[in-house]
Amino acid sequence: MSISYVVDAHPLIWHLEANSRLGVNAHAVLADPQSKLFLPIIALAEACWIVEHGRCRIPSVAHLLGHVDADSRIVLLPLDRSTLDRSLTLTTIGEMHDRQIVATAVQLASGGAQVALLTRDDNIRRSGLVTTIW
């Protein structure tokens, strides 16, 4: 069974910007044309907010969404009720959006997928709730 990757907002943005803040291991995953990438819609919404507020070098939300839509490796995952319910149990993660991203990875893993989360977030990484790659 091959591993799939859940992508957090900052790794997505930093990959598209070719930003040196992207971790070397996360960069390798995102640069690999064979990687299977799951993008929680909440992470995409956060990335759109970052772009909209000029906190990165991506010129527009349309530009960001164009890149996401053009990347056939990316599967968008909605925030559904079961993911929301699971996120409410992840109290070691303080931030609501981060809980939902982690819950997405946990949901995939509970369905039998081998999953790792691409994130730099220390709170997520220290939680031990999911395998992380940075």
N, C-alpha and C. Protein backbone atom coordinates (compact mmCIF):
# COMPACT_ATOMS: atom_id res chain seq x y z
N MET A 1 0.84 -1.17 0.00
CA MET A 1 0.00 0.00 0.00
C MET A 1 0.89 1.24 0.00
N SER A 2 0.60 2.19 -0.88
CA SER A 2 1.40 3.41 -0.93
C SER A 2 0.82 4.46 0.02
N ILE A 3 1.68 5.36 0.42
CA ILE A 3 1.28 6.40 1.35
C ILE A 3 0.64 7.56 0.59
N SER A 4 -0.35 8.16 1.22
CA SER A 4 -1.00 9.37 0.72
C SER A 4 -0.68 10.50 1.68
N TYR A 5 -0.80 11.72 1.19
CA TYR A 5 -0.41 12.87 1.98
C TYR A 5 -1.55 13.87 2.07
N VAL A 6 -1.80 14.33 3.29
CA VAL A 6 -2.74 15.42 3.52
C VAL A 6 -1.88 16.68 3.58
N VAL A 7 -2.32 17.73 2.89
CA VAL A 7 -1.52 18.94 2.75
C VAL A 7 -2.14 20.08 3.55
N ASP A 8 -1.34 20.69 4.42
CA ASP A 8 -1.74 21.86 5.17
C ASP A 8 -1.57 23.10 4.29
N ALA A 9 -2.12 24.23 4.72
CA ALA A 9 -2.14 25.46 3.92
C ALA A 9 -0.75 25.99 3.60
N HIS A 10 0.11 26.11 4.60
CA HIS A 10 1.42 26.71 4.36
C HIS A 10 2.30 25.87 3.43
N PRO A 11 2.36 24.55 3.59
CA PRO A 11 3.14 23.78 2.61
C PRO A 11 2.63 23.97 1.18
N LEU A 12 1.32 24.06 1.02
CA LEU A 12 0.77 24.30 -0.32
C LEU A 12 1.28 25.62 -0.88
N ILE A 13 1.15 26.67 -0.10
CA ILE A 13 1.58 27.99 -0.56
C ILE A 13 3.08 28.02 -0.81
N TRP A 14 3.85 27.52 0.15
CA TRP A 14 5.30 27.59 0.00
C TRP A 14 5.80 26.74 -1.16
N HIS A 15 5.11 25.65 -1.46
CA HIS A 15 5.46 24.86 -2.64
C HIS A 15 5.23 25.68 -3.91
N LEU A 16 4.07 26.31 -4.00
CA LEU A 16 3.74 27.09 -5.20
C LEU A 16 4.65 28.30 -5.36
N GLU A 17 5.12 28.85 -4.26
CA GLU A 17 6.03 30.00 -4.30
C GLU A 17 7.49 29.59 -4.48
N ALA A 18 7.80 28.31 -4.36
CA ALA A 18 9.18 27.84 -4.30
C ALA A 18 9.90 28.53 -3.14
N ASN A 19 9.22 28.60 -2.01
CA ASN A 19 9.71 29.29 -0.82
C ASN A 19 10.65 28.37 -0.03
N SER A 20 11.78 28.92 0.39
CA SER A 20 12.78 28.13 1.12
C SER A 20 12.30 27.71 2.51
N ARG A 21 11.19 28.26 3.00
CA ARG A 21 10.66 27.84 4.31
C ARG A 21 10.02 26.45 4.25
N LEU A 22 9.74 25.95 3.05
CA LEU A 22 9.17 24.61 2.92
C LEU A 22 10.21 23.58 3.35
N GLY A 23 9.81 22.71 4.26
CA GLY A 23 10.71 21.67 4.75
C GLY A 23 11.20 20.78 3.61
N VAL A 24 12.40 20.27 3.75
CA VAL A 24 13.02 19.48 2.69
C VAL A 24 12.23 18.21 2.38
N ASN A 25 11.70 17.56 3.39
CA ASN A 25 10.93 16.34 3.16
C ASN A 25 9.56 16.64 2.55
N ALA A 26 8.94 17.72 3.01
CA ALA A 26 7.67 18.13 2.41
C ALA A 26 7.88 18.55 0.96
N HIS A 27 8.99 19.22 0.70
CA HIS A 27 9.31 19.61 -0.68
C HIS A 27 9.44 18.37 -1.57
N ALA A 28 10.12 17.35 -1.08
CA ALA A 28 10.31 16.13 -1.87
C ALA A 28 8.96 15.50 -2.21
N VAL A 29 8.04 15.46 -1.26
CA VAL A 29 6.72 14.90 -1.51
C VAL A 29 5.97 15.73 -2.54
N LEU A 30 5.97 17.04 -2.36
CA LEU A 30 5.21 17.92 -3.25
C LEU A 30 5.82 18.02 -4.65
N ALA A 31 7.11 17.76 -4.76
CA ALA A 31 7.77 17.79 -6.07
C ALA A 31 7.63 16.46 -6.82
N ASP A 32 7.25 15.41 -6.13
CA ASP A 32 7.15 14.08 -6.74
C ASP A 32 5.85 13.96 -7.54
N PRO A 33 5.95 13.75 -8.84
CA PRO A 33 4.73 13.66 -9.66
C PRO A 33 3.87 12.43 -9.34
N GLN A 34 4.40 11.50 -8.56
CA GLN A 34 3.64 10.30 -8.19
C GLN A 34 2.91 10.44 -6.84
N SER A 35 3.15 11.53 -6.12
CA SER A 35 2.53 11.70 -4.81
C SER A 35 1.02 11.85 -4.94
N LYS A 36 0.30 11.17 -4.06
CA LYS A 36 -1.15 11.33 -3.97
C LYS A 36 -1.43 12.31 -2.85
N LEU A 37 -2.05 13.43 -3.20
CA LEU A 37 -2.24 14.54 -2.27
C LEU A 37 -3.71 14.77 -1.97
N PHE A 38 -4.03 14.82 -0.69
CA PHE A 38 -5.38 15.17 -0.25
C PHE A 38 -5.32 16.57 0.34
N LEU A 39 -6.19 17.44 -0.13
CA LEU A 39 -6.23 18.82 0.34
C LEU A 39 -7.58 19.07 0.99
N PRO A 40 -7.60 19.14 2.34
CA PRO A 40 -8.86 19.45 3.01
C PRO A 40 -9.34 20.84 2.57
N ILE A 41 -10.61 20.97 2.32
CA ILE A 41 -11.15 22.25 1.86
C ILE A 41 -10.87 23.35 2.87
N ILE A 42 -10.79 23.01 4.16
CA ILE A 42 -10.48 24.01 5.17
C ILE A 42 -9.05 24.53 5.00
N ALA A 43 -8.11 23.68 4.58
CA ALA A 43 -6.74 24.13 4.32
C ALA A 43 -6.69 25.00 3.08
N LEU A 44 -7.49 24.64 2.07
CA LEU A 44 -7.55 25.48 0.87
C LEU A 44 -8.16 26.84 1.20
N ALA A 45 -9.19 26.86 2.03
CA ALA A 45 -9.80 28.13 2.44
C ALA A 45 -8.78 29.00 3.18
N GLU A 46 -7.99 28.38 4.05
CA GLU A 46 -6.95 29.12 4.77
C GLU A 46 -5.91 29.67 3.80
N ALA A 47 -5.52 28.87 2.82
CA ALA A 47 -4.56 29.33 1.81
C ALA A 47 -5.13 30.51 1.02
N CYS A 48 -6.41 30.44 0.68
CA CYS A 48 -7.05 31.56 -0.02
C CYS A 48 -7.01 32.83 0.83
N TRP A 49 -7.26 32.68 2.13
CA TRP A 49 -7.24 33.83 3.04
C TRP A 49 -5.84 34.44 3.09
N ILE A 50 -4.82 33.60 3.14
CA ILE A 50 -3.43 34.07 3.17
C ILE A 50 -3.12 34.86 1.90
N VAL A 51 -3.53 34.34 0.75
CA VAL A 51 -3.30 35.02 -0.52
C VAL A 51 -4.09 36.34 -0.55
N GLU A 52 -5.35 36.27 -0.18
CA GLU A 52 -6.22 37.44 -0.21
C GLU A 52 -5.67 38.59 0.64
N HIS A 53 -5.01 38.26 1.74
CA HIS A 53 -4.48 39.27 2.63
C HIS A 53 -3.02 39.63 2.35
N GLY A 54 -2.50 39.17 1.21
CA GLY A 54 -1.17 39.55 0.78
C GLY A 54 -0.05 39.03 1.64
N ARG A 55 -0.26 37.89 2.27
CA ARG A 55 0.75 37.32 3.17
C ARG A 55 1.65 36.30 2.49
N CYS A 56 1.65 36.32 1.16
CA CYS A 56 2.53 35.45 0.38
C CYS A 56 2.76 36.12 -0.97
N ARG A 57 3.54 35.47 -1.81
CA ARG A 57 3.85 36.04 -3.12
C ARG A 57 2.91 35.58 -4.23
N ILE A 58 1.95 34.74 -3.92
CA ILE A 58 0.98 34.32 -4.93
C ILE A 58 0.10 35.52 -5.24
N PRO A 59 -0.03 35.89 -6.52
CA PRO A 59 -0.66 37.17 -6.86
C PRO A 59 -2.17 37.28 -6.63
N SER A 60 -2.87 36.15 -6.65
CA SER A 60 -4.32 36.24 -6.49
C SER A 60 -4.88 34.88 -6.09
N VAL A 61 -6.08 34.92 -5.53
CA VAL A 61 -6.77 33.67 -5.18
C VAL A 61 -7.03 32.87 -6.46
N ALA A 62 -7.38 33.54 -7.53
CA ALA A 62 -7.62 32.84 -8.80
C ALA A 62 -6.37 32.10 -9.25
N HIS A 63 -5.22 32.70 -9.06
CA HIS A 63 -3.96 32.06 -9.43
C HIS A 63 -3.74 30.80 -8.58
N LEU A 64 -3.96 30.93 -7.28
CA LEU A 64 -3.84 29.78 -6.37
C LEU A 64 -4.78 28.65 -6.79
N LEU A 65 -6.05 28.99 -6.98
CA LEU A 65 -7.04 27.97 -7.35
C LEU A 65 -6.74 27.35 -8.71
N GLY A 66 -6.20 28.14 -9.63
CA GLY A 66 -5.81 27.61 -10.93
C GLY A 66 -4.74 26.54 -10.80
N HIS A 67 -3.76 26.79 -9.94
CA HIS A 67 -2.71 25.79 -9.70
C HIS A 67 -3.27 24.53 -9.06
N VAL A 68 -4.14 24.70 -8.08
CA VAL A 68 -4.73 23.55 -7.40
C VAL A 68 -5.56 22.74 -8.39
N ASP A 69 -6.40 23.42 -9.16
CA ASP A 69 -7.26 22.73 -10.13
C ASP A 69 -6.46 22.01 -11.22
N ALA A 70 -5.30 22.56 -11.57
CA ALA A 70 -4.49 21.98 -12.64
C ALA A 70 -3.65 20.78 -12.18
N ASP A 71 -3.51 20.60 -10.88
CA ASP A 71 -2.68 19.52 -10.36
C ASP A 71 -3.53 18.27 -10.17
N SER A 72 -3.37 17.33 -11.08
CA SER A 72 -4.20 16.12 -11.05
C SER A 72 -3.92 15.22 -9.84
N ARG A 73 -2.84 15.49 -9.13
CA ARG A 73 -2.53 14.69 -7.93
C ARG A 73 -3.41 15.08 -6.74
N ILE A 74 -3.97 16.27 -6.79
CA ILE A 74 -4.71 16.81 -5.64
C ILE A 74 -6.17 16.37 -5.67
N VAL A 75 -6.59 15.82 -4.54
CA VAL A 75 -8.00 15.49 -4.33
C VAL A 75 -8.50 16.39 -3.21
N LEU A 76 -9.50 17.21 -3.51
CA LEU A 76 -10.10 18.07 -2.49
C LEU A 76 -11.04 17.25 -1.63
N LEU A 77 -10.93 17.44 -0.32
CA LEU A 77 -11.79 16.71 0.62
C LEU A 77 -12.67 17.71 1.36
N PRO A 78 -13.98 17.49 1.35
CA PRO A 78 -14.89 18.42 2.03
C PRO A 78 -14.81 18.27 3.55
N LEU A 79 -15.29 19.28 4.21
CA LEU A 79 -15.48 19.18 5.66
C LEU A 79 -16.89 18.67 5.86
N ASP A 80 -17.01 17.38 6.18
CA ASP A 80 -18.33 16.79 6.38
C ASP A 80 -18.58 16.57 7.87
N ARG A 81 -19.74 16.09 8.19
CA ARG A 81 -20.13 15.94 9.59
C ARG A 81 -19.23 14.97 10.36
N SER A 82 -18.85 13.86 9.73
CA SER A 82 -18.01 12.89 10.46
C SER A 82 -16.62 13.47 10.75
N THR A 83 -16.08 14.26 9.82
CA THR A 83 -14.79 14.91 10.06
C THR A 83 -14.93 15.96 11.15
N LEU A 84 -16.00 16.72 11.10
CA LEU A 84 -16.26 17.71 12.14
C LEU A 84 -16.37 17.03 13.51
N ASP A 85 -17.16 15.96 13.59
CA ASP A 85 -17.33 15.24 14.85
C ASP A 85 -15.98 14.74 15.38
N ARG A 86 -15.17 14.19 14.50
CA ARG A 86 -13.85 13.69 14.93
C ARG A 86 -12.99 14.86 15.40
N SER A 87 -13.06 15.99 14.71
CA SER A 87 -12.24 17.14 15.10
C SER A 87 -12.57 17.62 16.51
N LEU A 88 -13.81 17.46 16.92
CA LEU A 88 -14.22 17.91 18.25
C LEU A 88 -13.60 17.07 19.37
N THR A 89 -13.09 15.89 19.02
CA THR A 89 -12.45 15.02 20.01
C THR A 89 -10.94 15.28 20.12
N LEU A 90 -10.40 16.05 19.22
CA LEU A 90 -8.94 16.25 19.15
C LEU A 90 -8.53 17.47 19.97
N THR A 91 -8.81 17.43 21.25
CA THR A 91 -8.64 18.59 22.11
C THR A 91 -7.19 18.96 22.40
N THR A 92 -6.25 18.09 22.05
CA THR A 92 -4.84 18.46 22.22
C THR A 92 -4.39 19.46 21.17
N ILE A 93 -5.19 19.62 20.13
CA ILE A 93 -4.93 20.63 19.09
C ILE A 93 -5.79 21.85 19.44
N GLY A 94 -5.15 22.97 19.70
CA GLY A 94 -5.88 24.14 20.18
C GLY A 94 -6.66 24.89 19.12
N GLU A 95 -6.18 24.92 17.90
CA GLU A 95 -6.77 25.74 16.86
C GLU A 95 -7.80 24.94 16.05
N MET A 96 -8.98 25.50 15.86
CA MET A 96 -10.09 24.81 15.23
C MET A 96 -9.75 24.30 13.82
N HIS A 97 -9.14 25.15 12.99
CA HIS A 97 -8.83 24.73 11.62
C HIS A 97 -7.82 23.59 11.60
N ASP A 98 -6.83 23.69 12.48
CA ASP A 98 -5.83 22.62 12.57
C ASP A 98 -6.49 21.30 13.00
N ARG A 99 -7.43 21.37 13.92
CA ARG A 99 -8.16 20.16 14.33
C ARG A 99 -8.85 19.52 13.13
N GLN A 100 -9.46 20.35 12.29
CA GLN A 100 -10.19 19.82 11.15
C GLN A 100 -9.24 19.20 10.11
N ILE A 101 -8.07 19.77 9.96
CA ILE A 101 -7.08 19.21 9.04
C ILE A 101 -6.57 17.88 9.58
N VAL A 102 -6.25 17.84 10.87
CA VAL A 102 -5.80 16.59 11.49
C VAL A 102 -6.93 15.55 11.44
N ALA A 103 -8.15 15.98 11.71
CA ALA A 103 -9.29 15.05 11.65
C ALA A 103 -9.43 14.43 10.27
N THR A 104 -9.15 15.20 9.24
CA THR A 104 -9.20 14.68 7.88
C THR A 104 -8.18 13.54 7.71
N ALA A 105 -6.96 13.76 8.21
CA ALA A 105 -5.93 12.71 8.12
C ALA A 105 -6.32 11.49 8.95
N VAL A 106 -6.86 11.72 10.13
CA VAL A 106 -7.28 10.62 11.00
C VAL A 106 -8.41 9.83 10.34
N GLN A 107 -9.36 10.53 9.72
CA GLN A 107 -10.47 9.86 9.02
C GLN A 107 -9.94 8.96 7.90
N LEU A 108 -9.01 9.48 7.11
CA LEU A 108 -8.44 8.68 6.02
C LEU A 108 -7.73 7.45 6.58
N ALA A 109 -6.97 7.64 7.64
CA ALA A 109 -6.24 6.52 8.25
C ALA A 109 -7.20 5.49 8.84
N SER A 110 -8.30 5.95 9.42
CA SER A 110 -9.25 5.01 10.01
C SER A 110 -9.96 4.18 8.94
N GLY A 111 -9.94 4.67 7.70
CA GLY A 111 -10.50 3.93 6.58
C GLY A 111 -9.51 2.98 5.95
N GLY A 112 -8.31 2.88 6.53
CA GLY A 112 -7.33 1.93 6.05
C GLY A 112 -6.21 2.52 5.22
N ALA A 113 -6.26 3.82 4.94
CA ALA A 113 -5.21 4.44 4.14
C ALA A 113 -3.96 4.67 4.99
N GLN A 114 -2.81 4.58 4.37
CA GLN A 114 -1.56 4.96 5.02
C GLN A 114 -1.36 6.43 4.70
N VAL A 115 -1.38 7.29 5.73
CA VAL A 115 -1.45 8.73 5.54
C VAL A 115 -0.41 9.44 6.38
N ALA A 116 0.15 10.52 5.82
CA ALA A 116 1.00 11.44 6.58
C ALA A 116 0.53 12.85 6.26
N LEU A 117 0.68 13.73 7.22
CA LEU A 117 0.26 15.12 7.08
C LEU A 117 1.49 15.98 6.84
N LEU A 118 1.48 16.76 5.76
CA LEU A 118 2.55 17.70 5.48
C LEU A 118 2.25 18.99 6.23
N THR A 119 3.01 19.25 7.28
CA THR A 119 2.78 20.44 8.09
C THR A 119 4.02 20.84 8.84
N ARG A 120 4.15 22.14 9.07
CA ARG A 120 5.21 22.67 9.92
C ARG A 120 4.69 22.97 11.32
N ASP A 121 3.40 22.90 11.49
CA ASP A 121 2.76 23.30 12.74
C ASP A 121 3.27 22.46 13.91
N ASP A 122 3.93 23.12 14.86
CA ASP A 122 4.51 22.41 16.00
C ASP A 122 3.45 21.75 16.88
N ASN A 123 2.33 22.41 17.07
CA ASN A 123 1.26 21.85 17.90
C ASN A 123 0.76 20.53 17.31
N ILE A 124 0.57 20.50 16.00
CA ILE A 124 0.14 19.27 15.33
C ILE A 124 1.22 18.21 15.44
N ARG A 125 2.45 18.59 15.16
CA ARG A 125 3.54 17.62 15.17
C ARG A 125 3.75 17.03 16.56
N ARG A 126 3.65 17.85 17.59
CA ARG A 126 3.84 17.36 18.97
C ARG A 126 2.66 16.52 19.46
N SER A 127 1.51 16.70 18.86
CA SER A 127 0.31 15.99 19.34
C SER A 127 0.44 14.48 19.19
N GLY A 128 1.17 14.02 18.17
CA GLY A 128 1.31 12.59 17.94
C GLY A 128 0.05 11.94 17.39
N LEU A 129 -0.94 12.73 17.01
CA LEU A 129 -2.21 12.17 16.53
C LEU A 129 -2.09 11.59 15.12
N VAL A 130 -1.18 12.14 14.34
CA VAL A 130 -0.97 11.66 12.97
C VAL A 130 0.53 11.71 12.67
N THR A 131 0.94 10.92 11.71
CA THR A 131 2.31 11.00 11.21
C THR A 131 2.45 12.31 10.45
N THR A 132 3.51 13.05 10.74
CA THR A 132 3.74 14.31 10.03
C THR A 132 5.06 14.26 9.30
N ILE A 133 5.11 15.03 8.25
CA ILE A 133 6.35 15.16 7.45
C ILE A 133 6.61 16.64 7.28
N TRP A 134 7.85 17.00 7.54
CA TRP A 134 8.25 18.37 7.27
C TRP A 134 9.64 18.36 6.64
